[in-house]
Amino acid sequence: MTSDPVRRRFAFRPPWWGLLLAVSGCAAGVALGNWQTGRAAEKRAAAASVQQVVLKGEFVPRYTVLLDNKLHRGRPGYHVVQPLRIASTNKHVLVNRGWVASKERRELLPVFESPSGVVTLEGVRQARFARAYEPPGTPAAGPVMQNVTVEKFAAFSGLALEPWVFEQHSALGDGLVREWPRADAGHEKNEMYALQWYSLAALSLVLFFALNFRRENPQP
């Protein structure tokens, strides 16, 4: 006569700190994944809203601004921003004309051409220029600034400005570099990071259950 096989039982008794870690890890992974997903959506929306524009007018070089700390293929430099007086109007538009390399010494400013007379520009209309990190209270050093807005530029120049800005794409033989990134550049990376964070959130739950199911020894 054979005896009945011993039935093994499993118990799920996680410690409170294990539950806390699992919930915290899952929540953090979901939150960071949602943030990266949102950044990707913002970049796709920016690309969808890009508006190609043709402008005709004259540059006003006396109000030139150099946006600092702009890299091009690893080289430091500036973005050259100048107002363009729109032909037959009293309105101006801020134009990011392109990148110019910085000199060996910071106190020496780069030299570049500013076309005279009426020019025709092709480019992209934008709500504002991309904003770089700027510690509070950072003073401007002459024409060199970290950031510039339409409101800030209008305040010191006294010019009547359109409430939008312009990224120049057409060449003018001025030696400036205009290799602009796509408006949606980097959204694939954000989506990849989002997937990684969601995966970590799921992994924290899988490990929580896997490590807290225990096989109980059968009673004699």
C-alpha atoms as a PDB file:
ATOM      1  CA  MET A   1       0.000   0.000   0.000  1.00  0.00           C
ATOM      2  CA  THR A   2       1.472   3.357  -1.105  1.00  0.00           C
ATOM      3  CA  SER A   3       1.237   6.554   0.851  1.00  0.00           C
ATOM      4  CA  ASP A   4      -0.289   9.726  -0.558  1.00  0.00           C
ATOM      5  CA  PRO A   5       2.225  12.082  -2.163  1.00  0.00           C
ATOM      6  CA  VAL A   6       3.172  15.024  -0.053  1.00  0.00           C
ATOM      7  CA  ARG A   7       1.572  18.193  -1.284  1.00  0.00           C
ATOM      8  CA  ARG A   8       3.819  21.223  -1.184  1.00  0.00           C
ATOM      9  CA  ARG A   9       2.278  24.580  -0.456  1.00  0.00           C
ATOM     10  CA  PHE A  10       3.396  28.074  -1.349  1.00  0.00           C
ATOM     11  CA  ALA A  11       2.950  31.098   0.851  1.00  0.00           C
ATOM     12  CA  PHE A  12       3.033  34.794  -0.034  1.00  0.00           C
ATOM     13  CA  ARG A  13       4.115  36.814   2.974  1.00  0.00           C
ATOM     14  CA  PRO A  14       6.033  39.899   1.833  1.00  0.00           C
ATOM     15  CA  PRO A  15       7.616  42.153   4.457  1.00  0.00           C
ATOM     16  CA  TRP A  16       6.266  45.666   4.721  1.00  0.00           C
ATOM     17  CA  TRP A  17       9.522  47.166   3.516  1.00  0.00           C
ATOM     18  CA  GLY A  18       9.478  44.902   0.456  1.00  0.00           C
ATOM     19  CA  LEU A  19       6.005  46.150  -0.450  1.00  0.00           C
ATOM     20  CA  LEU A  20       7.174  49.740   0.080  1.00  0.00           C
ATOM     21  CA  LEU A  21      10.193  49.265  -2.195  1.00  0.00           C
ATOM     22  CA  ALA A  22       8.111  47.628  -4.921  1.00  0.00           C
ATOM     23  CA  VAL A  23       5.460  50.336  -4.877  1.00  0.00           C
ATOM     24  CA  SER A  24       8.076  53.121  -4.830  1.00  0.00           C
ATOM     25  CA  GLY A  25      10.080  51.583  -7.674  1.00  0.00           C
ATOM     26  CA  CYS A  26       6.992  51.006  -9.781  1.00  0.00           C
ATOM     27  CA  ALA A  27       5.644  54.519  -9.180  1.00  0.00           C
ATOM     28  CA  ALA A  28       9.001  56.131  -9.973  1.00  0.00           C
ATOM     29  CA  GLY A  29       9.381  54.092 -13.165  1.00  0.00           C
ATOM     30  CA  VAL A  30       5.885  54.995 -14.365  1.00  0.00           C
ATOM     31  CA  ALA A  31       6.334  58.684 -13.508  1.00  0.00           C
ATOM     32  CA  LEU A  32       9.681  58.933 -15.324  1.00  0.00           C
ATOM     33  CA  GLY A  33       8.322  56.956 -18.262  1.00  0.00           C
ATOM     34  CA  ASN A  34       5.351  59.316 -18.519  1.00  0.00           C
ATOM     35  CA  TRP A  35       7.710  62.306 -18.412  1.00  0.00           C
ATOM     36  CA  GLN A  36       9.827  60.945 -21.260  1.00  0.00           C
ATOM     37  CA  THR A  37       6.679  60.113 -23.234  1.00  0.00           C
ATOM     38  CA  GLY A  38       5.496  63.683 -22.736  1.00  0.00           C
ATOM     39  CA  ARG A  39       8.819  65.091 -23.945  1.00  0.00           C
ATOM     40  CA  ALA A  40       8.599  62.957 -27.084  1.00  0.00           C
ATOM     41  CA  ALA A  41       5.047  64.179 -27.705  1.00  0.00           C
ATOM     42  CA  GLU A  42       6.153  67.808 -27.280  1.00  0.00           C
ATOM     43  CA  LYS A  43       8.895  67.364 -29.875  1.00  0.00           C
ATOM     44  CA  ARG A  44       6.523  65.707 -32.357  1.00  0.00           C
ATOM     45  CA  ALA A  45       4.009  68.513 -31.820  1.00  0.00           C
ATOM     46  CA  ALA A  46       6.733  71.119 -32.381  1.00  0.00           C
ATOM     47  CA  ALA A  47       7.663  69.474 -35.666  1.00  0.00           C
ATOM     48  CA  ALA A  48       4.031  69.366 -36.762  1.00  0.00           C
ATOM     49  CA  SER A  49       3.591  73.092 -36.053  1.00  0.00           C
ATOM     50  CA  VAL A  50       6.661  74.253 -37.989  1.00  0.00           C
ATOM     51  CA  GLN A  51       5.687  77.013 -40.388  1.00  0.00           C
ATOM     52  CA  GLN A  52       7.863  77.869 -43.368  1.00  0.00           C
ATOM     53  CA  VAL A  53       8.010  81.632 -43.948  1.00  0.00           C
ATOM     54  CA  VAL A  54       9.597  84.004 -46.471  1.00  0.00           C
ATOM     55  CA  LEU A  55      10.570  87.448 -45.169  1.00  0.00           C
ATOM     56  CA  LYS A  56      11.767  90.527 -47.017  1.00  0.00           C
ATOM     57  CA  GLY A  57      13.450  93.392 -45.242  1.00  0.00           C
ATOM     58  CA  GLU A  58      16.646  94.983 -43.951  1.00  0.00           C
ATOM     59  CA  PHE A  59      18.833  93.881 -41.043  1.00  0.00           C
ATOM     60  CA  VAL A  60      19.493  96.342 -38.220  1.00  0.00           C
ATOM     61  CA  PRO A  61      23.005  95.281 -37.125  1.00  0.00           C
ATOM     62  CA  ARG A  62      23.376  97.937 -34.410  1.00  0.00           C
ATOM     63  CA  TYR A  63      21.183  95.770 -32.155  1.00  0.00           C
ATOM     64  CA  THR A  64      23.056  92.499 -32.727  1.00  0.00           C
ATOM     65  CA  VAL A  65      22.890  89.941 -29.902  1.00  0.00           C
ATOM     66  CA  LEU A  66      25.256  86.972 -29.580  1.00  0.00           C
ATOM     67  CA  LEU A  67      23.722  83.994 -27.798  1.00  0.00           C
ATOM     68  CA  ASP A  68      26.555  82.373 -25.848  1.00  0.00           C
ATOM     69  CA  ASN A  69      27.608  78.729 -25.379  1.00  0.00           C
ATOM     70  CA  LYS A  70      26.395  77.381 -28.706  1.00  0.00           C
ATOM     71  CA  LEU A  71      28.320  74.344 -29.924  1.00  0.00           C
ATOM     72  CA  HIS A  72      28.746  73.232 -33.526  1.00  0.00           C
ATOM     73  CA  ARG A  73      30.493  69.895 -34.035  1.00  0.00           C
ATOM     74  CA  GLY A  74      32.189  70.325 -30.685  1.00  0.00           C
ATOM     75  CA  ARG A  75      33.399  73.864 -31.298  1.00  0.00           C
ATOM     76  CA  PRO A  76      32.208  76.704 -29.040  1.00  0.00           C
ATOM     77  CA  GLY A  77      30.582  79.734 -30.566  1.00  0.00           C
ATOM     78  CA  TYR A  78      27.548  81.982 -30.687  1.00  0.00           C
ATOM     79  CA  HIS A  79      24.197  82.268 -32.422  1.00  0.00           C
ATOM     80  CA  VAL A  80      23.864  85.624 -34.137  1.00  0.00           C
ATOM     81  CA  VAL A  81      20.506  87.304 -33.517  1.00  0.00           C
ATOM     82  CA  GLN A  82      19.564  90.491 -35.348  1.00  0.00           C
ATOM     83  CA  PRO A  83      16.293  92.339 -35.939  1.00  0.00           C
ATOM     84  CA  LEU A  84      14.997  92.493 -39.492  1.00  0.00           C
ATOM     85  CA  ARG A  85      12.890  95.507 -40.406  1.00  0.00           C
ATOM     86  CA  ILE A  86      10.108  94.111 -42.542  1.00  0.00           C
ATOM     87  CA  ALA A  87       9.809  95.914 -45.862  1.00  0.00           C
ATOM     88  CA  SER A  88       7.113  98.612 -46.074  1.00  0.00           C
ATOM     89  CA  THR A  89       6.310  98.397 -42.346  1.00  0.00           C
ATOM     90  CA  ASN A  90       7.588  99.706 -39.052  1.00  0.00           C
ATOM     91  CA  LYS A  91       7.625  96.219 -37.561  1.00  0.00           C
ATOM     92  CA  HIS A  92      10.723  94.114 -36.879  1.00  0.00           C
ATOM     93  CA  VAL A  93      11.299  90.382 -36.463  1.00  0.00           C
ATOM     94  CA  LEU A  94      14.105  88.815 -34.438  1.00  0.00           C
ATOM     95  CA  VAL A  95      16.147  86.557 -36.724  1.00  0.00           C
ATOM     96  CA  ASN A  96      18.561  83.843 -35.611  1.00  0.00           C
ATOM     97  CA  ARG A  97      20.956  84.128 -38.534  1.00  0.00           C
ATOM     98  CA  GLY A  98      23.194  81.178 -37.641  1.00  0.00           C
ATOM     99  CA  TRP A  99      26.302  80.044 -35.776  1.00  0.00           C
ATOM    100  CA  VAL A 100      29.735  81.676 -35.682  1.00  0.00           C
ATOM    101  CA  ALA A 101      32.843  80.339 -33.941  1.00  0.00           C
ATOM    102  CA  SER A 102      34.217  82.144 -30.910  1.00  0.00           C
ATOM    103  CA  LYS A 103      37.717  83.587 -30.799  1.00  0.00           C
ATOM    104  CA  GLU A 104      40.615  82.119 -28.816  1.00  0.00           C
ATOM    105  CA  ARG A 105      40.092  84.773 -26.134  1.00  0.00           C
ATOM    106  CA  ARG A 106      36.679  85.453 -24.649  1.00  0.00           C
ATOM    107  CA  GLU A 107      37.079  89.227 -24.763  1.00  0.00           C
ATOM    108  CA  LEU A 108      37.447  89.113 -28.571  1.00  0.00           C
ATOM    109  CA  LEU A 109      34.098  88.941 -30.356  1.00  0.00           C
ATOM    110  CA  PRO A 110      33.718  87.177 -33.722  1.00  0.00           C
ATOM    111  CA  VAL A 111      33.539  89.100 -36.971  1.00  0.00           C
ATOM    112  CA  PHE A 112      30.834  88.307 -39.533  1.00  0.00           C
ATOM    113  CA  GLU A 113      29.045  89.954 -42.436  1.00  0.00           C
ATOM    114  CA  SER A 114      25.707  91.731 -42.100  1.00  0.00           C
ATOM    115  CA  PRO A 115      24.157  92.205 -45.555  1.00  0.00           C
ATOM    116  CA  SER A 116      23.097  95.751 -46.351  1.00  0.00           C
ATOM    117  CA  GLY A 117      19.943  96.666 -48.190  1.00  0.00           C
ATOM    118  CA  VAL A 118      16.817  94.617 -48.678  1.00  0.00           C
ATOM    119  CA  VAL A 119      17.249  90.837 -48.438  1.00  0.00           C
ATOM    120  CA  THR A 120      14.847  87.939 -48.898  1.00  0.00           C
ATOM    121  CA  LEU A 121      15.008  85.235 -46.239  1.00  0.00           C
ATOM    122  CA  GLU A 122      13.563  81.756 -46.155  1.00  0.00           C
ATOM    123  CA  GLY A 123      13.221  79.993 -42.853  1.00  0.00           C
ATOM    124  CA  VAL A 124      10.989  78.843 -40.042  1.00  0.00           C
ATOM    125  CA  ARG A 125       8.693  80.880 -37.846  1.00  0.00           C
ATOM    126  CA  GLN A 126       8.948  79.961 -34.160  1.00  0.00           C
ATOM    127  CA  ALA A 127       7.210  81.041 -30.977  1.00  0.00           C
ATOM    128  CA  ARG A 128      10.547  81.724 -29.257  1.00  0.00           C
ATOM    129  CA  PHE A 129      14.215  80.841 -29.341  1.00  0.00           C
ATOM    130  CA  ALA A 130      15.344  77.719 -27.487  1.00  0.00           C
ATOM    131  CA  ARG A 131      16.183  78.630 -23.909  1.00  0.00           C
ATOM    132  CA  ALA A 132      19.530  77.666 -22.360  1.00  0.00           C
ATOM    133  CA  TYR A 133      20.218  77.308 -18.648  1.00  0.00           C
ATOM    134  CA  GLU A 134      20.958  80.690 -17.099  1.00  0.00           C
ATOM    135  CA  PRO A 135      21.740  81.124 -13.382  1.00  0.00           C
ATOM    136  CA  PRO A 136      19.586  83.819 -11.743  1.00  0.00           C
ATOM    137  CA  GLY A 137      21.143  87.269 -11.852  1.00  0.00           C
ATOM    138  CA  THR A 138      23.530  86.498 -14.728  1.00  0.00           C
ATOM    139  CA  PRO A 139      24.520  89.893 -16.193  1.00  0.00           C
ATOM    140  CA  ALA A 140      24.781  90.474 -19.929  1.00  0.00           C
ATOM    141  CA  ALA A 141      28.293  91.233 -21.201  1.00  0.00           C
ATOM    142  CA  GLY A 142      27.693  93.761 -23.950  1.00  0.00           C
ATOM    143  CA  PRO A 143      25.992  92.044 -26.870  1.00  0.00           C
ATOM    144  CA  VAL A 144      26.682  88.575 -25.394  1.00  0.00           C
ATOM    145  CA  MET A 145      23.686  86.970 -23.665  1.00  0.00           C
ATOM    146  CA  GLN A 146      22.637  83.500 -22.569  1.00  0.00           C
ATOM    147  CA  ASN A 147      19.046  83.989 -23.691  1.00  0.00           C
ATOM    148  CA  VAL A 148      16.957  86.630 -25.395  1.00  0.00           C
ATOM    149  CA  THR A 149      13.201  86.997 -25.657  1.00  0.00           C
ATOM    150  CA  VAL A 150      11.054  89.299 -27.745  1.00  0.00           C
ATOM    151  CA  GLU A 151      10.052  91.215 -24.617  1.00  0.00           C
ATOM    152  CA  LYS A 152      13.632  91.587 -23.397  1.00  0.00           C
ATOM    153  CA  PHE A 153      14.881  92.691 -26.814  1.00  0.00           C
ATOM    154  CA  ALA A 154      12.072  95.220 -27.271  1.00  0.00           C
ATOM    155  CA  ALA A 155      12.815  96.698 -23.830  1.00  0.00           C
ATOM    156  CA  PHE A 156      16.472  97.561 -24.529  1.00  0.00           C
ATOM    157  CA  SER A 157      16.169  98.341 -28.255  1.00  0.00           C
ATOM    158  CA  GLY A 158      12.893 100.253 -28.301  1.00  0.00           C
ATOM    159  CA  LEU A 159      11.947  98.514 -31.555  1.00  0.00           C
ATOM    160  CA  ALA A 160       8.417  97.399 -32.401  1.00  0.00           C
ATOM    161  CA  LEU A 161       8.717  93.622 -32.712  1.00  0.00           C
ATOM    162  CA  GLU A 162       6.480  90.873 -33.956  1.00  0.00           C
ATOM    163  CA  PRO A 163       5.577  88.455 -31.126  1.00  0.00           C
ATOM    164  CA  TRP A 164       7.388  85.568 -32.844  1.00  0.00           C
ATOM    165  CA  VAL A 165      10.960  84.856 -33.972  1.00  0.00           C
ATOM    166  CA  PHE A 166      12.560  83.530 -37.138  1.00  0.00           C
ATOM    167  CA  GLU A 167      15.161  80.840 -37.806  1.00  0.00           C
ATOM    168  CA  GLN A 168      16.997  81.686 -41.022  1.00  0.00           C
ATOM    169  CA  HIS A 169      17.615  78.834 -43.473  1.00  0.00           C
ATOM    170  CA  SER A 170      18.563  80.645 -46.674  1.00  0.00           C
ATOM    171  CA  ALA A 171      22.231  81.323 -47.417  1.00  0.00           C
ATOM    172  CA  LEU A 172      23.512  84.881 -47.745  1.00  0.00           C
ATOM    173  CA  GLY A 173      27.218  84.270 -48.260  1.00  0.00           C
ATOM    174  CA  ASP A 174      27.902  85.614 -44.778  1.00  0.00           C
ATOM    175  CA  GLY A 175      29.999  82.703 -43.477  1.00  0.00           C
ATOM    176  CA  LEU A 176      27.476  81.783 -40.770  1.00  0.00           C
ATOM    177  CA  VAL A 177      26.584  78.129 -40.227  1.00  0.00           C
ATOM    178  CA  ARG A 178      22.923  77.174 -40.449  1.00  0.00           C
ATOM    179  CA  GLU A 179      22.820  73.446 -39.785  1.00  0.00           C
ATOM    180  CA  TRP A 180      19.695  73.512 -37.656  1.00  0.00           C
ATOM    181  CA  PRO A 181      18.440  70.373 -35.900  1.00  0.00           C
ATOM    182  CA  ARG A 182      14.989  69.088 -36.812  1.00  0.00           C
ATOM    183  CA  ALA A 183      12.196  70.356 -34.592  1.00  0.00           C
ATOM    184  CA  ASP A 184      11.451  66.775 -33.500  1.00  0.00           C
ATOM    185  CA  ALA A 185      15.114  65.815 -33.055  1.00  0.00           C
ATOM    186  CA  GLY A 186      15.579  63.433 -30.151  1.00  0.00           C
ATOM    187  CA  HIS A 187      12.007  62.179 -29.819  1.00  0.00           C
ATOM    188  CA  GLU A 188      13.160  58.622 -30.592  1.00  0.00           C
ATOM    189  CA  LYS A 189      15.603  58.807 -27.680  1.00  0.00           C
ATOM    190  CA  ASN A 190      12.848  60.013 -25.353  1.00  0.00           C
ATOM    191  CA  GLU A 191      10.643  57.106 -26.426  1.00  0.00           C
ATOM    192  CA  MET A 192      13.492  54.660 -25.813  1.00  0.00           C
ATOM    193  CA  TYR A 193      14.077  56.087 -22.329  1.00  0.00           C
ATOM    194  CA  ALA A 194      10.337  55.858 -21.623  1.00  0.00           C
ATOM    195  CA  LEU A 195      10.338  52.173 -22.552  1.00  0.00           C
ATOM    196  CA  GLN A 196      13.291  51.563 -20.234  1.00  0.00           C
ATOM    197  CA  TRP A 197      11.547  53.265 -17.309  1.00  0.00           C
ATOM    198  CA  TYR A 198       8.312  51.360 -17.895  1.00  0.00           C
ATOM    199  CA  SER A 199      10.323  48.129 -18.052  1.00  0.00           C
ATOM    200  CA  LEU A 200      11.975  48.918 -14.721  1.00  0.00           C
ATOM    201  CA  ALA A 201       8.545  49.591 -13.204  1.00  0.00           C
ATOM    202  CA  ALA A 202       7.332  46.202 -14.392  1.00  0.00           C
ATOM    203  CA  LEU A 203      10.531  44.516 -13.202  1.00  0.00           C
ATOM    204  CA  SER A 204      10.084  45.877  -9.683  1.00  0.00           C
ATOM    205  CA  LEU A 205       6.674  44.162  -9.492  1.00  0.00           C
ATOM    206  CA  VAL A 206       7.938  40.904 -10.980  1.00  0.00           C
ATOM    207  CA  LEU A 207      10.793  40.752  -8.480  1.00  0.00           C
ATOM    208  CA  PHE A 208       8.446  41.606  -5.628  1.00  0.00           C
ATOM    209  CA  PHE A 209       6.205  38.623  -6.338  1.00  0.00           C
ATOM    210  CA  ALA A 210       9.023  36.262  -7.328  1.00  0.00           C
ATOM    211  CA  LEU A 211      11.061  36.900  -4.184  1.00  0.00           C
ATOM    212  CA  ASN A 212       8.151  36.701  -1.770  1.00  0.00           C
ATOM    213  CA  PHE A 213       6.539  33.450  -2.839  1.00  0.00           C
ATOM    214  CA  ARG A 214       8.066  30.795  -0.581  1.00  0.00           C
ATOM    215  CA  ARG A 215       7.652  27.042  -0.592  1.00  0.00           C
ATOM    216  CA  GLU A 216       6.530  25.777   2.801  1.00  0.00           C
ATOM    217  CA  ASN A 217       7.888  22.563   4.224  1.00  0.00           C
ATOM    218  CA  PRO A 218       5.172  19.909   4.590  1.00  0.00           C
ATOM    219  CA  GLN A 219       4.096  19.012   8.094  1.00  0.00           C
ATOM    220  CA  PRO A 220       4.922  15.437   9.119  1.00  0.00           C
END
